[in-house]
Amino acid sequence: MKINLHKYSKVAHIGNNVSHAKNRTKKGFKYNLHAATVIIDGVKKKVKVPSRVLKQLKKLGLTTHFKKAV
């Protein structure tokens, strides 16, 4: 399975901050980024990935942060 590390945009979602007086201003909800060492084509490379992608990388065994139980 191929993981595209650059698939996600810079702002995850856009919504509204709502004050007590119900004033609305735009707010960008950012991704929960983590630094991970990923093995791509046999070469270790440090990248920042969202937690959702990090979970997929751990499942596939493509990161050095997680070792599958034998």
C-alpha atoms as a PDB file:
ATOM      1  CA  MET A   1       0.000   0.000   0.000  1.00  0.00           C
ATOM      2  CA  LYS A   2       1.398   3.384  -1.003  1.00  0.00           C
ATOM      3  CA  ILE A   3       1.165   6.247   1.495  1.00  0.00           C
ATOM      4  CA  ASN A   4       1.206   9.778   0.073  1.00  0.00           C
ATOM      5  CA  LEU A   5       2.849  11.939   2.735  1.00  0.00           C
ATOM      6  CA  HIS A   6       2.018  15.218   0.986  1.00  0.00           C
ATOM      7  CA  LYS A   7      -1.659  14.519   0.392  1.00  0.00           C
ATOM      8  CA  TYR A   8      -3.024  16.635   3.226  1.00  0.00           C
ATOM      9  CA  SER A   9      -3.487  20.408   2.916  1.00  0.00           C
ATOM     10  CA  LYS A  10      -2.014  22.955   5.330  1.00  0.00           C
ATOM     11  CA  VAL A  11      -5.354  23.715   7.057  1.00  0.00           C
ATOM     12  CA  ALA A  12      -7.399  20.694   8.023  1.00  0.00           C
ATOM     13  CA  HIS A  13     -10.824  22.331   8.381  1.00  0.00           C
ATOM     14  CA  ILE A  14     -12.199  25.835   8.529  1.00  0.00           C
ATOM     15  CA  GLY A  15     -14.918  26.770  10.974  1.00  0.00           C
ATOM     16  CA  ASN A  16     -16.079  29.619  13.157  1.00  0.00           C
ATOM     17  CA  ASN A  17     -15.021  30.948  16.542  1.00  0.00           C
ATOM     18  CA  VAL A  18     -18.279  31.858  18.275  1.00  0.00           C
ATOM     19  CA  SER A  19     -18.118  34.367  21.094  1.00  0.00           C
ATOM     20  CA  HIS A  20     -20.578  34.701  23.959  1.00  0.00           C
ATOM     21  CA  ALA A  21     -22.310  37.462  21.966  1.00  0.00           C
ATOM     22  CA  LYS A  22     -22.572  35.035  19.000  1.00  0.00           C
ATOM     23  CA  ASN A  23     -20.049  36.987  16.896  1.00  0.00           C
ATOM     24  CA  ARG A  24     -18.466  34.663  14.353  1.00  0.00           C
ATOM     25  CA  THR A  25     -14.903  34.854  13.058  1.00  0.00           C
ATOM     26  CA  LYS A  26     -13.168  32.345  10.802  1.00  0.00           C
ATOM     27  CA  LYS A  27     -10.820  29.814  12.369  1.00  0.00           C
ATOM     28  CA  GLY A  28      -8.574  27.217  10.781  1.00  0.00           C
ATOM     29  CA  PHE A  29      -8.269  23.903  12.598  1.00  0.00           C
ATOM     30  CA  LYS A  30      -4.721  22.660  12.072  1.00  0.00           C
ATOM     31  CA  TYR A  31      -3.464  19.086  11.795  1.00  0.00           C
ATOM     32  CA  ASN A  32      -1.912  17.299  14.752  1.00  0.00           C
ATOM     33  CA  LEU A  33       1.590  16.992  13.237  1.00  0.00           C
ATOM     34  CA  HIS A  34       4.294  14.658  14.551  1.00  0.00           C
ATOM     35  CA  ALA A  35       7.916  14.292  13.517  1.00  0.00           C
ATOM     36  CA  ALA A  36       8.508  10.745  12.318  1.00  0.00           C
ATOM     37  CA  THR A  37      11.442   8.898  10.793  1.00  0.00           C
ATOM     38  CA  VAL A  38      10.099   7.069   7.755  1.00  0.00           C
ATOM     39  CA  ILE A  39      11.872   4.447   5.656  1.00  0.00           C
ATOM     40  CA  ILE A  40      11.365   5.349   1.971  1.00  0.00           C
ATOM     41  CA  ASP A  41      13.145   3.134  -0.598  1.00  0.00           C
ATOM     42  CA  GLY A  42      15.487   1.840   2.120  1.00  0.00           C
ATOM     43  CA  VAL A  43      16.523   5.360   3.184  1.00  0.00           C
ATOM     44  CA  LYS A  44      15.529   6.898   6.519  1.00  0.00           C
ATOM     45  CA  LYS A  45      13.972  10.341   6.177  1.00  0.00           C
ATOM     46  CA  LYS A  46      12.518  12.682   8.818  1.00  0.00           C
ATOM     47  CA  VAL A  47       9.101  14.079   7.913  1.00  0.00           C
ATOM     48  CA  LYS A  48       6.240  15.772   9.731  1.00  0.00           C
ATOM     49  CA  VAL A  49       3.025  13.807   9.314  1.00  0.00           C
ATOM     50  CA  PRO A  50      -0.460  14.069  10.827  1.00  0.00           C
ATOM     51  CA  SER A  51      -1.398  11.546  13.481  1.00  0.00           C
ATOM     52  CA  ARG A  52      -3.763   9.735  11.065  1.00  0.00           C
ATOM     53  CA  VAL A  53      -0.938   9.112   8.576  1.00  0.00           C
ATOM     54  CA  LEU A  54       1.442   8.168  11.423  1.00  0.00           C
ATOM     55  CA  LYS A  55      -1.028   5.488  12.504  1.00  0.00           C
ATOM     56  CA  GLN A  56      -1.058   4.054   8.957  1.00  0.00           C
ATOM     57  CA  LEU A  57       2.746   4.113   8.811  1.00  0.00           C
ATOM     58  CA  LYS A  58       2.973   2.250  12.117  1.00  0.00           C
ATOM     59  CA  LYS A  59       0.551  -0.406  10.876  1.00  0.00           C
ATOM     60  CA  LEU A  60       2.596  -0.953   7.707  1.00  0.00           C
ATOM     61  CA  GLY A  61       5.895  -0.972   9.621  1.00  0.00           C
ATOM     62  CA  LEU A  62       7.329   1.927   7.584  1.00  0.00           C
ATOM     63  CA  THR A  63       8.443   3.981  10.575  1.00  0.00           C
ATOM     64  CA  THR A  64      11.191   3.365  13.101  1.00  0.00           C
ATOM     65  CA  HIS A  65       8.941   4.435  15.991  1.00  0.00           C
ATOM     66  CA  PHE A  66       7.056   1.151  16.066  1.00  0.00           C
ATOM     67  CA  LYS A  67       8.162  -2.470  15.931  1.00  0.00           C
ATOM     68  CA  LYS A  68       5.550  -5.132  15.195  1.00  0.00           C
ATOM     69  CA  ALA A  69       5.323  -7.943  17.741  1.00  0.00           C
ATOM     70  CA  VAL A  70       6.582 -11.247  16.360  1.00  0.00           C
END
